[in-house]
Amino acid sequence: QHETLLNALGAATAVVTSATLGAPGGAEALADAIEASAVVLATPAELCQVLEHRPSLYGALRCEALVCDELDLLMPSRKSNGAKVTRWQDRGDHPAEDLA
């Protein structure tokens, strides 16, 4: 729904989900789309996979808006310190805090 509305408004939009990540071109195509987009609609885990694929995007996102779906699922009952900590996450932070 967000993508349809944003496209109707003429906003260049990248959609990062498990479906788009698994599509032909995958992470490389999404990284290109993110660089060219004003708005990024993403599930955080998949966005992190794209950032892992193209580290130069990390800290250099130039989109005007980042819309994260399922962000609440990344809020565990305790801080992450174990094997689930991604490269972009500081130990002791929630994954959602890291992405934000």
C-alpha atoms as a PDB file:
ATOM      1  CA  GLN A   1       0.000   0.000   0.000  1.00  0.00           C
ATOM      2  CA  HIS A   2       2.789   2.424   0.857  1.00  0.00           C
ATOM      3  CA  GLU A   3       4.614   1.653  -2.365  1.00  0.00           C
ATOM      4  CA  THR A   4       1.514   2.242  -4.492  1.00  0.00           C
ATOM      5  CA  LEU A   5       0.834   5.601  -2.853  1.00  0.00           C
ATOM      6  CA  LEU A   6       4.451   6.753  -3.071  1.00  0.00           C
ATOM      7  CA  ASN A   7       4.730   5.722  -6.717  1.00  0.00           C
ATOM      8  CA  ALA A   8       1.520   7.637  -7.473  1.00  0.00           C
ATOM      9  CA  LEU A   9       3.136  10.689  -5.881  1.00  0.00           C
ATOM     10  CA  GLY A  10       6.199  10.231  -8.083  1.00  0.00           C
ATOM     11  CA  ALA A  11       8.599   9.235  -5.304  1.00  0.00           C
ATOM     12  CA  ALA A  12      11.403   6.891  -6.321  1.00  0.00           C
ATOM     13  CA  THR A  13      10.910   3.957  -3.965  1.00  0.00           C
ATOM     14  CA  ALA A  14      12.986   0.884  -3.101  1.00  0.00           C
ATOM     15  CA  VAL A  15      11.213  -2.042  -1.451  1.00  0.00           C
ATOM     16  CA  VAL A  16      13.468  -4.348   0.568  1.00  0.00           C
ATOM     17  CA  THR A  17      11.737  -7.542   1.713  1.00  0.00           C
ATOM     18  CA  SER A  18      12.536 -11.235   1.708  1.00  0.00           C
ATOM     19  CA  ALA A  19      10.701 -11.492  -1.631  1.00  0.00           C
ATOM     20  CA  THR A  20      12.694  -8.706  -3.315  1.00  0.00           C
ATOM     21  CA  LEU A  21      15.955  -9.907  -1.781  1.00  0.00           C
ATOM     22  CA  GLY A  22      15.325 -13.376  -3.212  1.00  0.00           C
ATOM     23  CA  ALA A  23      14.403 -12.045  -6.662  1.00  0.00           C
ATOM     24  CA  PRO A  24      16.872 -12.137  -9.587  1.00  0.00           C
ATOM     25  CA  GLY A  25      19.703  -9.718  -8.899  1.00  0.00           C
ATOM     26  CA  GLY A  26      18.877  -9.819  -5.192  1.00  0.00           C
ATOM     27  CA  ALA A  27      21.044  -7.722  -2.930  1.00  0.00           C
ATOM     28  CA  GLU A  28      22.971  -6.069  -5.774  1.00  0.00           C
ATOM     29  CA  ALA A  29      19.795  -4.846  -7.491  1.00  0.00           C
ATOM     30  CA  LEU A  30      18.364  -3.637  -4.183  1.00  0.00           C
ATOM     31  CA  ALA A  31      21.558  -1.770  -3.319  1.00  0.00           C
ATOM     32  CA  ASP A  32      21.324   0.031  -6.667  1.00  0.00           C
ATOM     33  CA  ALA A  33      17.645   0.780  -6.072  1.00  0.00           C
ATOM     34  CA  ILE A  34      18.345   2.153  -2.591  1.00  0.00           C
ATOM     35  CA  GLU A  35      21.005   4.504  -3.952  1.00  0.00           C
ATOM     36  CA  ALA A  36      18.509   5.899  -6.484  1.00  0.00           C
ATOM     37  CA  SER A  37      15.496   6.135  -4.172  1.00  0.00           C
ATOM     38  CA  ALA A  38      14.000   8.923  -2.126  1.00  0.00           C
ATOM     39  CA  VAL A  39      12.055   6.431   0.001  1.00  0.00           C
ATOM     40  CA  VAL A  40      13.120   2.998   1.244  1.00  0.00           C
ATOM     41  CA  LEU A  41      10.431   0.589   2.479  1.00  0.00           C
ATOM     42  CA  ALA A  42      12.127  -2.277   4.266  1.00  0.00           C
ATOM     43  CA  THR A  43      11.996  -5.075   6.731  1.00  0.00           C
ATOM     44  CA  PRO A  44      15.053  -4.404   8.910  1.00  0.00           C
ATOM     45  CA  ALA A  45      16.620  -7.857   8.699  1.00  0.00           C
ATOM     46  CA  GLU A  46      16.586  -7.764   4.889  1.00  0.00           C
ATOM     47  CA  LEU A  47      17.878  -4.186   4.824  1.00  0.00           C
ATOM     48  CA  CYS A  48      20.788  -5.325   6.986  1.00  0.00           C
ATOM     49  CA  GLN A  49      21.504  -8.085   4.446  1.00  0.00           C
ATOM     50  CA  VAL A  50      21.716  -5.489   1.676  1.00  0.00           C
ATOM     51  CA  LEU A  51      24.039  -3.380   3.841  1.00  0.00           C
ATOM     52  CA  GLU A  52      26.206  -6.462   4.418  1.00  0.00           C
ATOM     53  CA  HIS A  53      26.325  -6.935   0.622  1.00  0.00           C
ATOM     54  CA  ARG A  54      27.303  -3.317  -0.052  1.00  0.00           C
ATOM     55  CA  PRO A  55      28.977  -1.895   3.077  1.00  0.00           C
ATOM     56  CA  SER A  56      29.455   1.512   1.432  1.00  0.00           C
ATOM     57  CA  LEU A  57      25.705   2.086   1.857  1.00  0.00           C
ATOM     58  CA  TYR A  58      25.995   1.855   5.612  1.00  0.00           C
ATOM     59  CA  GLY A  59      26.014   5.341   7.020  1.00  0.00           C
ATOM     60  CA  ALA A  60      25.555   6.784   3.530  1.00  0.00           C
ATOM     61  CA  LEU A  61      21.842   6.270   2.942  1.00  0.00           C
ATOM     62  CA  ARG A  62      20.598   9.422   1.256  1.00  0.00           C
ATOM     63  CA  CYS A  63      16.921   8.570   1.170  1.00  0.00           C
ATOM     64  CA  GLU A  64      14.451  11.139   2.438  1.00  0.00           C
ATOM     65  CA  ALA A  65      12.412   8.561   4.345  1.00  0.00           C
ATOM     66  CA  LEU A  66      13.052   5.081   5.697  1.00  0.00           C
ATOM     67  CA  VAL A  67       9.888   3.124   6.455  1.00  0.00           C
ATOM     68  CA  CYS A  68      10.551  -0.033   8.456  1.00  0.00           C
ATOM     69  CA  ASP A  69       8.005  -2.805   8.697  1.00  0.00           C
ATOM     70  CA  GLU A  70       8.189  -5.356  11.511  1.00  0.00           C
ATOM     71  CA  LEU A  71      10.556  -3.146  13.532  1.00  0.00           C
ATOM     72  CA  ASP A  72       8.780  -4.262  16.690  1.00  0.00           C
ATOM     73  CA  LEU A  73       9.906  -7.840  16.035  1.00  0.00           C
ATOM     74  CA  LEU A  74      13.510  -6.720  16.498  1.00  0.00           C
ATOM     75  CA  MET A  75      12.864  -5.538  20.040  1.00  0.00           C
ATOM     76  CA  PRO A  76      13.813  -8.536  22.169  1.00  0.00           C
ATOM     77  CA  SER A  77      13.153  -8.697  25.872  1.00  0.00           C
ATOM     78  CA  ARG A  78      16.869  -8.208  26.514  1.00  0.00           C
ATOM     79  CA  LYS A  79      19.829  -6.640  24.755  1.00  0.00           C
ATOM     80  CA  SER A  80      21.670  -8.712  22.107  1.00  0.00           C
ATOM     81  CA  ASN A  81      25.167  -9.887  22.981  1.00  0.00           C
ATOM     82  CA  GLY A  82      25.528 -13.307  21.379  1.00  0.00           C
ATOM     83  CA  ALA A  83      25.856 -14.760  17.898  1.00  0.00           C
ATOM     84  CA  LYS A  84      22.804 -12.851  16.634  1.00  0.00           C
ATOM     85  CA  VAL A  85      24.638  -9.515  16.852  1.00  0.00           C
ATOM     86  CA  THR A  86      25.185  -8.214  13.328  1.00  0.00           C
ATOM     87  CA  ARG A  87      28.321  -6.505  12.136  1.00  0.00           C
ATOM     88  CA  TRP A  88      26.480  -3.169  12.199  1.00  0.00           C
ATOM     89  CA  GLN A  89      25.240  -3.548  15.753  1.00  0.00           C
ATOM     90  CA  ASP A  90      27.009  -2.460  18.899  1.00  0.00           C
ATOM     91  CA  ARG A  91      26.973  -5.181  21.509  1.00  0.00           C
ATOM     92  CA  GLY A  92      24.360  -4.490  24.117  1.00  0.00           C
ATOM     93  CA  ASP A  93      21.996  -2.679  21.713  1.00  0.00           C
ATOM     94  CA  HIS A  94      18.684  -3.908  20.380  1.00  0.00           C
ATOM     95  CA  PRO A  95      18.886  -4.605  16.601  1.00  0.00           C
ATOM     96  CA  ALA A  96      16.234  -1.921  16.023  1.00  0.00           C
ATOM     97  CA  GLU A  97      18.286   0.632  17.962  1.00  0.00           C
ATOM     98  CA  ASP A  98      21.252  -0.185  15.771  1.00  0.00           C
ATOM     99  CA  LEU A  99      19.335   0.241  12.531  1.00  0.00           C
ATOM    100  CA  ALA A 100      17.817   3.512  13.685  1.00  0.00           C
END
